[in-house]
Amino acid sequence: MGRSIRAFSTTVLVLVLLLLVTEEMTGPKMAEARTCESQSHRFKGTCVRKSNCAHVCQTEGFHGGKCRGFRRRCFCTKPCHHHEEAAAGDQN
């Protein structure tokens, strides 16, 4: 009885170690980039076309923009940086 428990424990330990080694060998994982949004300060009127919103947002230094919400406002978008994500998390 004692040997079978020891053999089972050893088998489980070996399997766990194999899983850890296999996980490390798969290489680095790419983190999914987050997109930060901010309502446009320069866009006027109802946002109907994404391309118009994106163009105005580019003049504000953003990468793009999209129309969203019931009131169809223009929101500018850009990839978040780590400190921006932390600041956004602090606001919640």
PDB file of N, CA and C in Angstrom:
ATOM      1  N   MET A   1       0.820  -1.194   0.000  1.00  0.00           N
ATOM      2  CA  MET A   1       0.000   0.000   0.000  1.00  0.00           C
ATOM      3  C   MET A   1       0.859   1.249   0.000  1.00  0.00           C
ATOM      4  N   GLY A   2       1.913   1.269   0.816  1.00  0.00           N
ATOM      5  CA  GLY A   2       2.787   2.418   0.912  1.00  0.00           C
ATOM      6  C   GLY A   2       3.524   2.678  -0.391  1.00  0.00           C
ATOM      7  N   ARG A   3       3.918   1.585  -1.070  1.00  0.00           N
ATOM      8  CA  ARG A   3       4.627   1.746  -2.345  1.00  0.00           C
ATOM      9  C   ARG A   3       3.715   2.318  -3.423  1.00  0.00           C
ATOM     10  N   SER A   4       2.464   1.904  -3.447  1.00  0.00           N
ATOM     11  CA  SER A   4       1.552   2.391  -4.485  1.00  0.00           C
ATOM     12  C   SER A   4       1.257   3.880  -4.301  1.00  0.00           C
ATOM     13  N   ILE A   5       1.144   4.335  -3.071  1.00  0.00           N
ATOM     14  CA  ILE A   5       0.924   5.764  -2.817  1.00  0.00           C
ATOM     15  C   ILE A   5       2.151   6.555  -3.232  1.00  0.00           C
ATOM     16  N   ARG A   6       3.336   6.025  -2.900  1.00  0.00           N
ATOM     17  CA  ARG A   6       4.574   6.700  -3.267  1.00  0.00           C
ATOM     18  C   ARG A   6       4.727   6.739  -4.792  1.00  0.00           C
ATOM     19  N   ALA A   7       4.413   5.650  -5.465  1.00  0.00           N
ATOM     20  CA  ALA A   7       4.513   5.602  -6.927  1.00  0.00           C
ATOM     21  C   ALA A   7       3.521   6.578  -7.561  1.00  0.00           C
ATOM     22  N   PHE A   8       2.320   6.639  -7.011  1.00  0.00           N
ATOM     23  CA  PHE A   8       1.316   7.571  -7.528  1.00  0.00           C
ATOM     24  C   PHE A   8       1.775   9.015  -7.332  1.00  0.00           C
ATOM     25  N   SER A   9       2.289   9.325  -6.154  1.00  0.00           N
ATOM     26  CA  SER A   9       2.777  10.679  -5.875  1.00  0.00           C
ATOM     27  C   SER A   9       3.919  11.053  -6.806  1.00  0.00           C
ATOM     28  N   THR A  10       4.818  10.125  -7.039  1.00  0.00           N
ATOM     29  CA  THR A  10       5.945  10.374  -7.940  1.00  0.00           C
ATOM     30  C   THR A  10       5.448  10.612  -9.360  1.00  0.00           C
ATOM     31  N   THR A  11       4.478   9.827  -9.804  1.00  0.00           N
ATOM     32  CA  THR A  11       3.921   9.990 -11.148  1.00  0.00           C
ATOM     33  C   THR A  11       3.260  11.353 -11.302  1.00  0.00           C
ATOM     34  N   VAL A  12       2.495  11.759 -10.317  1.00  0.00           N
ATOM     35  CA  VAL A  12       1.837  13.066 -10.362  1.00  0.00           C
ATOM     36  C   VAL A  12       2.880  14.174 -10.402  1.00  0.00           C
ATOM     37  N   LEU A  13       3.914  14.072  -9.592  1.00  0.00           N
ATOM     38  CA  LEU A  13       4.969  15.078  -9.562  1.00  0.00           C
ATOM     39  C   LEU A  13       5.668  15.176 -10.915  1.00  0.00           C
ATOM     40  N   VAL A  14       5.976  14.049 -11.522  1.00  0.00           N
ATOM     41  CA  VAL A  14       6.633  14.043 -12.834  1.00  0.00           C
ATOM     42  C   VAL A  14       5.727  14.680 -13.885  1.00  0.00           C
ATOM     43  N   LEU A  15       4.448  14.379 -13.864  1.00  0.00           N
ATOM     44  CA  LEU A  15       3.519  14.969 -14.830  1.00  0.00           C
ATOM     45  C   LEU A  15       3.422  16.482 -14.661  1.00  0.00           C
ATOM     46  N   VAL A  16       3.371  16.952 -13.426  1.00  0.00           N
ATOM     47  CA  VAL A  16       3.316  18.396 -13.175  1.00  0.00           C
ATOM     48  C   VAL A  16       4.587  19.061 -13.681  1.00  0.00           C
ATOM     49  N   LEU A  17       5.735  18.471 -13.413  1.00  0.00           N
ATOM     50  CA  LEU A  17       7.004  19.028 -13.894  1.00  0.00           C
ATOM     51  C   LEU A  17       7.058  19.047 -15.421  1.00  0.00           C
ATOM     52  N   LEU A  18       6.570  17.992 -16.057  1.00  0.00           N
ATOM     53  CA  LEU A  18       6.531  17.963 -17.524  1.00  0.00           C
ATOM     54  C   LEU A  18       5.644  19.073 -18.072  1.00  0.00           C
ATOM     55  N   LEU A  19       4.513  19.305 -17.443  1.00  0.00           N
ATOM     56  CA  LEU A  19       3.632  20.385 -17.883  1.00  0.00           C
ATOM     57  C   LEU A  19       4.316  21.740 -17.752  1.00  0.00           C
ATOM     58  N   LEU A  20       5.017  21.952 -16.657  1.00  0.00           N
ATOM     59  CA  LEU A  20       5.722  23.218 -16.459  1.00  0.00           C
ATOM     60  C   LEU A  20       6.821  23.413 -17.495  1.00  0.00           C
ATOM     61  N   VAL A  21       7.584  22.367 -17.770  1.00  0.00           N
ATOM     62  CA  VAL A  21       8.657  22.457 -18.759  1.00  0.00           C
ATOM     63  C   VAL A  21       8.076  22.698 -20.145  1.00  0.00           C
ATOM     64  N   THR A  22       7.008  22.004 -20.484  1.00  0.00           N
ATOM     65  CA  THR A  22       6.368  22.187 -21.790  1.00  0.00           C
ATOM     66  C   THR A  22       5.850  23.603 -21.937  1.00  0.00           C
ATOM     67  N   GLU A  23       5.288  24.151 -20.891  1.00  0.00           N
ATOM     68  CA  GLU A  23       4.774  25.523 -20.916  1.00  0.00           C
ATOM     69  C   GLU A  23       5.907  26.510 -21.161  1.00  0.00           C
ATOM     70  N   GLU A  24       7.049  26.302 -20.541  1.00  0.00           N
ATOM     71  CA  GLU A  24       8.193  27.198 -20.715  1.00  0.00           C
ATOM     72  C   GLU A  24       8.783  27.081 -22.115  1.00  0.00           C
ATOM     73  N   MET A  25       8.698  25.921 -22.730  1.00  0.00           N
ATOM     74  CA  MET A  25       9.306  25.701 -24.046  1.00  0.00           C
ATOM     75  C   MET A  25       8.472  26.279 -25.179  1.00  0.00           C
ATOM     76  N   THR A  26       7.245  26.638 -24.932  1.00  0.00           N
ATOM     77  CA  THR A  26       6.400  27.158 -26.004  1.00  0.00           C
ATOM     78  C   THR A  26       6.775  28.571 -26.389  1.00  0.00           C
ATOM     79  N   GLY A  27       7.632  29.214 -25.637  1.00  0.00           N
ATOM     80  CA  GLY A  27       8.091  30.555 -25.991  1.00  0.00           C
ATOM     81  C   GLY A  27       7.254  31.623 -25.335  1.00  0.00           C
ATOM     82  N   PRO A  28       7.642  32.863 -25.603  1.00  0.00           N
ATOM     83  CA  PRO A  28       6.931  33.980 -24.973  1.00  0.00           C
ATOM     84  C   PRO A  28       5.516  34.123 -25.516  1.00  0.00           C
ATOM     85  N   LYS A  29       4.649  34.546 -24.666  1.00  0.00           N
ATOM     86  CA  LYS A  29       3.257  34.775 -25.050  1.00  0.00           C
ATOM     87  C   LYS A  29       3.081  36.251 -25.384  1.00  0.00           C
ATOM     88  N   MET A  30       2.326  36.521 -26.411  1.00  0.00           N
ATOM     89  CA  MET A  30       2.038  37.905 -26.775  1.00  0.00           C
ATOM     90  C   MET A  30       0.842  38.380 -25.960  1.00  0.00           C
ATOM     91  N   ALA A  31       1.011  39.475 -25.290  1.00  0.00           N
ATOM     92  CA  ALA A  31      -0.098  40.061 -24.546  1.00  0.00           C
ATOM     93  C   ALA A  31      -1.000  40.807 -25.521  1.00  0.00           C
ATOM     94  N   GLU A  32      -2.286  40.663 -25.323  1.00  0.00           N
ATOM     95  CA  GLU A  32      -3.226  41.370 -26.185  1.00  0.00           C
ATOM     96  C   GLU A  32      -3.177  42.857 -25.853  1.00  0.00           C
ATOM     97  N   ALA A  33      -2.953  43.646 -26.876  1.00  0.00           N
ATOM     98  CA  ALA A  33      -2.855  45.094 -26.665  1.00  0.00           C
ATOM     99  C   ALA A  33      -4.229  45.662 -26.342  1.00  0.00           C
ATOM    100  N   ARG A  34      -4.255  46.540 -25.381  1.00  0.00           N
ATOM    101  CA  ARG A  34      -5.501  47.212 -25.029  1.00  0.00           C
ATOM    102  C   ARG A  34      -5.603  48.512 -25.805  1.00  0.00           C
ATOM    103  N   THR A  35      -6.817  48.930 -26.016  1.00  0.00           N
ATOM    104  CA  THR A  35      -7.066  50.188 -26.707  1.00  0.00           C
ATOM    105  C   THR A  35      -7.670  51.170 -25.717  1.00  0.00           C
ATOM    106  N   CYS A  36      -7.041  52.334 -25.618  1.00  0.00           N
ATOM    107  CA  CYS A  36      -7.570  53.395 -24.760  1.00  0.00           C
ATOM    108  C   CYS A  36      -8.460  54.305 -25.599  1.00  0.00           C
ATOM    109  N   GLU A  37      -9.522  54.806 -24.997  1.00  0.00           N
ATOM    110  CA  GLU A  37     -10.462  55.690 -25.687  1.00  0.00           C
ATOM    111  C   GLU A  37     -10.628  56.991 -24.920  1.00  0.00           C
ATOM    112  N   SER A  38     -10.844  58.050 -25.679  1.00  0.00           N
ATOM    113  CA  SER A  38     -11.103  59.361 -25.092  1.00  0.00           C
ATOM    114  C   SER A  38     -12.035  60.110 -26.033  1.00  0.00           C
ATOM    115  N   GLN A  39     -13.050  60.743 -25.485  1.00  0.00           N
ATOM    116  CA  GLN A  39     -13.980  61.473 -26.343  1.00  0.00           C
ATOM    117  C   GLN A  39     -13.249  62.622 -27.028  1.00  0.00           C
ATOM    118  N   SER A  40     -13.512  62.784 -28.317  1.00  0.00           N
ATOM    119  CA  SER A  40     -12.873  63.840 -29.097  1.00  0.00           C
ATOM    120  C   SER A  40     -13.290  65.212 -28.590  1.00  0.00           C
ATOM    121  N   HIS A  41     -12.315  66.120 -28.540  1.00  0.00           N
ATOM    122  CA  HIS A  41     -12.598  67.503 -28.131  1.00  0.00           C
ATOM    123  C   HIS A  41     -12.924  68.379 -29.334  1.00  0.00           C
ATOM    124  N   ARG A  42     -12.521  67.940 -30.519  1.00  0.00           N
ATOM    125  CA  ARG A  42     -12.696  68.778 -31.715  1.00  0.00           C
ATOM    126  C   ARG A  42     -13.863  68.359 -32.600  1.00  0.00           C
ATOM    127  N   PHE A  43     -14.334  67.122 -32.472  1.00  0.00           N
ATOM    128  CA  PHE A  43     -15.415  66.645 -33.339  1.00  0.00           C
ATOM    129  C   PHE A  43     -16.714  67.344 -32.957  1.00  0.00           C
ATOM    130  N   LYS A  44     -17.382  67.882 -33.951  1.00  0.00           N
ATOM    131  CA  LYS A  44     -18.645  68.597 -33.718  1.00  0.00           C
ATOM    132  C   LYS A  44     -19.798  67.835 -34.365  1.00  0.00           C
ATOM    133  N   GLY A  45     -20.922  67.800 -33.688  1.00  0.00           N
ATOM    134  CA  GLY A  45     -22.121  67.186 -34.256  1.00  0.00           C
ATOM    135  C   GLY A  45     -22.224  65.706 -33.953  1.00  0.00           C
ATOM    136  N   THR A  46     -23.201  65.076 -34.614  1.00  0.00           N
ATOM    137  CA  THR A  46     -23.440  63.651 -34.440  1.00  0.00           C
ATOM    138  C   THR A  46     -22.439  62.858 -35.262  1.00  0.00           C
ATOM    139  N   CYS A  47     -21.883  61.833 -34.667  1.00  0.00           N
ATOM    140  CA  CYS A  47     -20.894  60.988 -35.344  1.00  0.00           C
ATOM    141  C   CYS A  47     -21.627  59.936 -36.176  1.00  0.00           C
ATOM    142  N   VAL A  48     -21.510  60.062 -37.490  1.00  0.00           N
ATOM    143  CA  VAL A  48     -22.191  59.137 -38.395  1.00  0.00           C
ATOM    144  C   VAL A  48     -21.187  58.244 -39.114  1.00  0.00           C
ATOM    145  N   ARG A  49     -20.067  58.820 -39.540  1.00  0.00           N
ATOM    146  CA  ARG A  49     -19.067  58.065 -40.302  1.00  0.00           C
ATOM    147  C   ARG A  49     -17.792  57.897 -39.484  1.00  0.00           C
ATOM    148  N   LYS A  50     -17.378  56.647 -39.357  1.00  0.00           N
ATOM    149  CA  LYS A  50     -16.162  56.335 -38.613  1.00  0.00           C
ATOM    150  C   LYS A  50     -14.954  57.039 -39.219  1.00  0.00           C
ATOM    151  N   SER A  51     -14.910  57.137 -40.535  1.00  0.00           N
ATOM    152  CA  SER A  51     -13.751  57.750 -41.192  1.00  0.00           C
ATOM    153  C   SER A  51     -13.610  59.224 -40.827  1.00  0.00           C
ATOM    154  N   ASN A  52     -14.721  59.939 -40.709  1.00  0.00           N
ATOM    155  CA  ASN A  52     -14.661  61.349 -40.296  1.00  0.00           C
ATOM    156  C   ASN A  52     -14.147  61.465 -38.863  1.00  0.00           C
ATOM    157  N   CYS A  53     -14.665  60.631 -38.004  1.00  0.00           N
ATOM    158  CA  CYS A  53     -14.244  60.625 -36.604  1.00  0.00           C
ATOM    159  C   CYS A  53     -12.751  60.315 -36.513  1.00  0.00           C
ATOM    160  N   ALA A  54     -12.305  59.300 -37.234  1.00  0.00           N
ATOM    161  CA  ALA A  54     -10.895  58.905 -37.197  1.00  0.00           C
ATOM    162  C   ALA A  54      -9.994  60.031 -37.681  1.00  0.00           C
ATOM    163  N   HIS A  55     -10.420  60.742 -38.721  1.00  0.00           N
ATOM    164  CA  HIS A  55      -9.614  61.846 -39.251  1.00  0.00           C
ATOM    165  C   HIS A  55      -9.458  62.963 -38.217  1.00  0.00           C
ATOM    166  N   VAL A  56     -10.546  63.335 -37.573  1.00  0.00           N
ATOM    167  CA  VAL A  56     -10.483  64.377 -36.547  1.00  0.00           C
ATOM    168  C   VAL A  56      -9.595  63.909 -35.392  1.00  0.00           C
ATOM    169  N   CYS A  57      -9.734  62.661 -35.004  1.00  0.00           N
ATOM    170  CA  CYS A  57      -8.923  62.128 -33.905  1.00  0.00           C
ATOM    171  C   CYS A  57      -7.436  62.132 -34.248  1.00  0.00           C
ATOM    172  N   GLN A  58      -7.109  61.869 -35.507  1.00  0.00           N
ATOM    173  CA  GLN A  58      -5.701  61.899 -35.905  1.00  0.00           C
ATOM    174  C   GLN A  58      -5.123  63.300 -35.771  1.00  0.00           C
ATOM    175  N   THR A  59      -5.944  64.324 -35.977  1.00  0.00           N
ATOM    176  CA  THR A  59      -5.454  65.696 -35.785  1.00  0.00           C
ATOM    177  C   THR A  59      -5.241  66.001 -34.300  1.00  0.00           C
ATOM    178  N   GLU A  60      -5.848  65.181 -33.430  1.00  0.00           N
ATOM    179  CA  GLU A  60      -5.672  65.339 -31.983  1.00  0.00           C
ATOM    180  C   GLU A  60      -4.539  64.459 -31.453  1.00  0.00           C
ATOM    181  N   GLY A  61      -3.850  63.739 -32.344  1.00  0.00           N
ATOM    182  CA  GLY A  61      -2.726  62.908 -31.925  1.00  0.00           C
ATOM    183  C   GLY A  61      -3.066  61.463 -31.618  1.00  0.00           C
ATOM    184  N   PHE A  62      -4.276  61.036 -31.950  1.00  0.00           N
ATOM    185  CA  PHE A  62      -4.677  59.655 -31.725  1.00  0.00           C
ATOM    186  C   PHE A  62      -4.457  58.841 -32.994  1.00  0.00           C
ATOM    187  N   HIS A  63      -4.547  57.518 -32.867  1.00  0.00           N
ATOM    188  CA  HIS A  63      -4.362  56.637 -34.018  1.00  0.00           C
ATOM    189  C   HIS A  63      -5.618  56.514 -34.860  1.00  0.00           C
ATOM    190  N   GLY A  64      -6.766  56.635 -34.249  1.00  0.00           N
ATOM    191  CA  GLY A  64      -8.028  56.488 -34.970  1.00  0.00           C
ATOM    192  C   GLY A  64      -9.187  56.925 -34.105  1.00  0.00           C
ATOM    193  N   GLY A  65     -10.384  56.580 -34.554  1.00  0.00           N
ATOM    194  CA  GLY A  65     -11.568  56.946 -33.796  1.00  0.00           C
ATOM    195  C   GLY A  65     -12.766  56.150 -34.256  1.00  0.00           C
ATOM    196  N   LYS A  66     -13.803  56.126 -33.426  1.00  0.00           N
ATOM    197  CA  LYS A  66     -15.030  55.412 -33.787  1.00  0.00           C
ATOM    198  C   LYS A  66     -16.223  56.083 -33.135  1.00  0.00           C
ATOM    199  N   CYS A  67     -17.363  55.924 -33.785  1.00  0.00           N
ATOM    200  CA  CYS A  67     -18.618  56.463 -33.270  1.00  0.00           C
ATOM    201  C   CYS A  67     -19.203  55.444 -32.298  1.00  0.00           C
ATOM    202  N   ARG A  68     -19.666  55.926 -31.161  1.00  0.00           N
ATOM    203  CA  ARG A  68     -20.293  54.976 -30.238  1.00  0.00           C
ATOM    204  C   ARG A  68     -21.271  55.681 -29.311  1.00  0.00           C
ATOM    205  N   GLY A  69     -22.080  54.859 -28.685  1.00  0.00           N
ATOM    206  CA  GLY A  69     -23.056  55.369 -27.736  1.00  0.00           C
ATOM    207  C   GLY A  69     -24.369  55.752 -28.394  1.00  0.00           C
ATOM    208  N   PHE A  70     -25.395  55.870 -27.573  1.00  0.00           N
ATOM    209  CA  PHE A  70     -26.725  56.237 -28.046  1.00  0.00           C
ATOM    210  C   PHE A  70     -26.714  57.622 -28.685  1.00  0.00           C
ATOM    211  N   ARG A  71     -25.908  58.521 -28.121  1.00  0.00           N
ATOM    212  CA  ARG A  71     -25.840  59.890 -28.631  1.00  0.00           C
ATOM    213  C   ARG A  71     -24.841  60.042 -29.774  1.00  0.00           C
ATOM    214  N   ARG A  72     -24.221  58.929 -30.206  1.00  0.00           N
ATOM    215  CA  ARG A  72     -23.310  58.892 -31.357  1.00  0.00           C
ATOM    216  C   ARG A  72     -22.211  59.951 -31.238  1.00  0.00           C
ATOM    217  N   ARG A  73     -21.377  59.772 -30.246  1.00  0.00           N
ATOM    218  CA  ARG A  73     -20.237  60.657 -30.036  1.00  0.00           C
ATOM    219  C   ARG A  73     -18.995  60.029 -30.660  1.00  0.00           C
ATOM    220  N   CYS A  74     -18.040  60.868 -31.005  1.00  0.00           N
ATOM    221  CA  CYS A  74     -16.773  60.414 -31.579  1.00  0.00           C
ATOM    222  C   CYS A  74     -15.785  60.152 -30.443  1.00  0.00           C
ATOM    223  N   PHE A  75     -15.293  58.923 -30.368  1.00  0.00           N
ATOM    224  CA  PHE A  75     -14.288  58.559 -29.375  1.00  0.00           C
ATOM    225  C   PHE A  75     -12.987  58.218 -30.088  1.00  0.00           C
ATOM    226  N   CYS A  76     -11.921  58.878 -29.665  1.00  0.00           N
ATOM    227  CA  CYS A  76     -10.603  58.660 -30.250  1.00  0.00           C
ATOM    228  C   CYS A  76      -9.950  57.448 -29.589  1.00  0.00           C
ATOM    229  N   THR A  77      -9.149  56.726 -30.376  1.00  0.00           N
ATOM    230  CA  THR A  77      -8.524  55.505 -29.888  1.00  0.00           C
ATOM    231  C   THR A  77      -7.021  55.530 -30.118  1.00  0.00           C
ATOM    232  N   LYS A  78      -6.315  54.838 -29.219  1.00  0.00           N
ATOM    233  CA  LYS A  78      -4.871  54.631 -29.356  1.00  0.00           C
ATOM    234  C   LYS A  78      -4.489  53.455 -28.474  1.00  0.00           C
ATOM    235  N   PRO A  79      -3.367  52.812 -28.777  1.00  0.00           N
ATOM    236  CA  PRO A  79      -2.914  51.723 -27.908  1.00  0.00           C
ATOM    237  C   PRO A  79      -2.572  52.266 -26.525  1.00  0.00           C
ATOM    238  N   CYS A  80      -2.987  51.557 -25.501  1.00  0.00           N
ATOM    239  CA  CYS A  80      -2.676  51.976 -24.131  1.00  0.00           C
ATOM    240  C   CYS A  80      -1.227  51.651 -23.809  1.00  0.00           C
ATOM    241  N   HIS A  81      -0.626  52.484 -23.013  1.00  0.00           N
ATOM    242  CA  HIS A  81       0.680  52.189 -22.446  1.00  0.00           C
ATOM    243  C   HIS A  81       0.441  51.758 -21.016  1.00  0.00           C
ATOM    244  N   HIS A  82       1.414  51.109 -20.431  1.00  0.00           N
ATOM    245  CA  HIS A  82       1.242  50.529 -19.096  1.00  0.00           C
ATOM    246  C   HIS A  82       0.780  51.566 -18.077  1.00  0.00           C
ATOM    247  N   HIS A  83       1.370  52.750 -18.066  1.00  0.00           N
ATOM    248  CA  HIS A  83       0.989  53.752 -17.066  1.00  0.00           C
ATOM    249  C   HIS A  83      -0.424  54.276 -17.299  1.00  0.00           C
ATOM    250  N   GLU A  84      -0.892  54.261 -18.552  1.00  0.00           N
ATOM    251  CA  GLU A  84      -2.266  54.693 -18.833  1.00  0.00           C
ATOM    252  C   GLU A  84      -3.261  53.662 -18.322  1.00  0.00           C
ATOM    253  N   GLU A  85      -2.911  52.364 -18.476  1.00  0.00           N
ATOM    254  CA  GLU A  85      -3.790  51.311 -17.983  1.00  0.00           C
ATOM    255  C   GLU A  85      -3.883  51.380 -16.466  1.00  0.00           C
ATOM    256  N   ALA A  86      -2.755  51.647 -15.804  1.00  0.00           N
ATOM    257  CA  ALA A  86      -2.759  51.741 -14.345  1.00  0.00           C
ATOM    258  C   ALA A  86      -3.614  52.921 -13.895  1.00  0.00           C
ATOM    259  N   ALA A  87      -3.505  54.045 -14.591  1.00  0.00           N
ATOM    260  CA  ALA A  87      -4.298  55.222 -14.235  1.00  0.00           C
ATOM    261  C   ALA A  87      -5.781  54.951 -14.448  1.00  0.00           C
ATOM    262  N   ALA A  88      -6.109  54.248 -15.531  1.00  0.00           N
ATOM    263  CA  ALA A  88      -7.510  53.915 -15.797  1.00  0.00           C
ATOM    264  C   ALA A  88      -8.037  52.974 -14.711  1.00  0.00           C
ATOM    265  N   GLY A  89      -7.184  52.066 -14.239  1.00  0.00           N
ATOM    266  CA  GLY A  89      -7.589  51.154 -13.180  1.00  0.00           C
ATOM    267  C   GLY A  89      -7.808  51.866 -11.866  1.00  0.00           C
ATOM    268  N   ASP A  90      -7.033  52.930 -11.609  1.00  0.00           N
ATOM    269  CA  ASP A  90      -7.185  53.694 -10.375  1.00  0.00           C
ATOM    270  C   ASP A  90      -8.496  54.457 -10.336  1.00  0.00           C
ATOM    271  N   GLN A  91      -9.029  54.810 -11.507  1.00  0.00           N
ATOM    272  CA  GLN A  91     -10.260  55.586 -11.567  1.00  0.00           C
ATOM    273  C   GLN A  91     -11.478  54.734 -11.288  1.00  0.00           C
ATOM    274  N   ASN A  92     -11.355  53.410 -11.456  1.00  0.00           N
ATOM    275  CA  ASN A  92     -12.505  52.518 -11.241  1.00  0.00           C
ATOM    276  C   ASN A  92     -12.710  52.209  -9.812  1.00  0.00           C
TER     277      ASN A  92
END
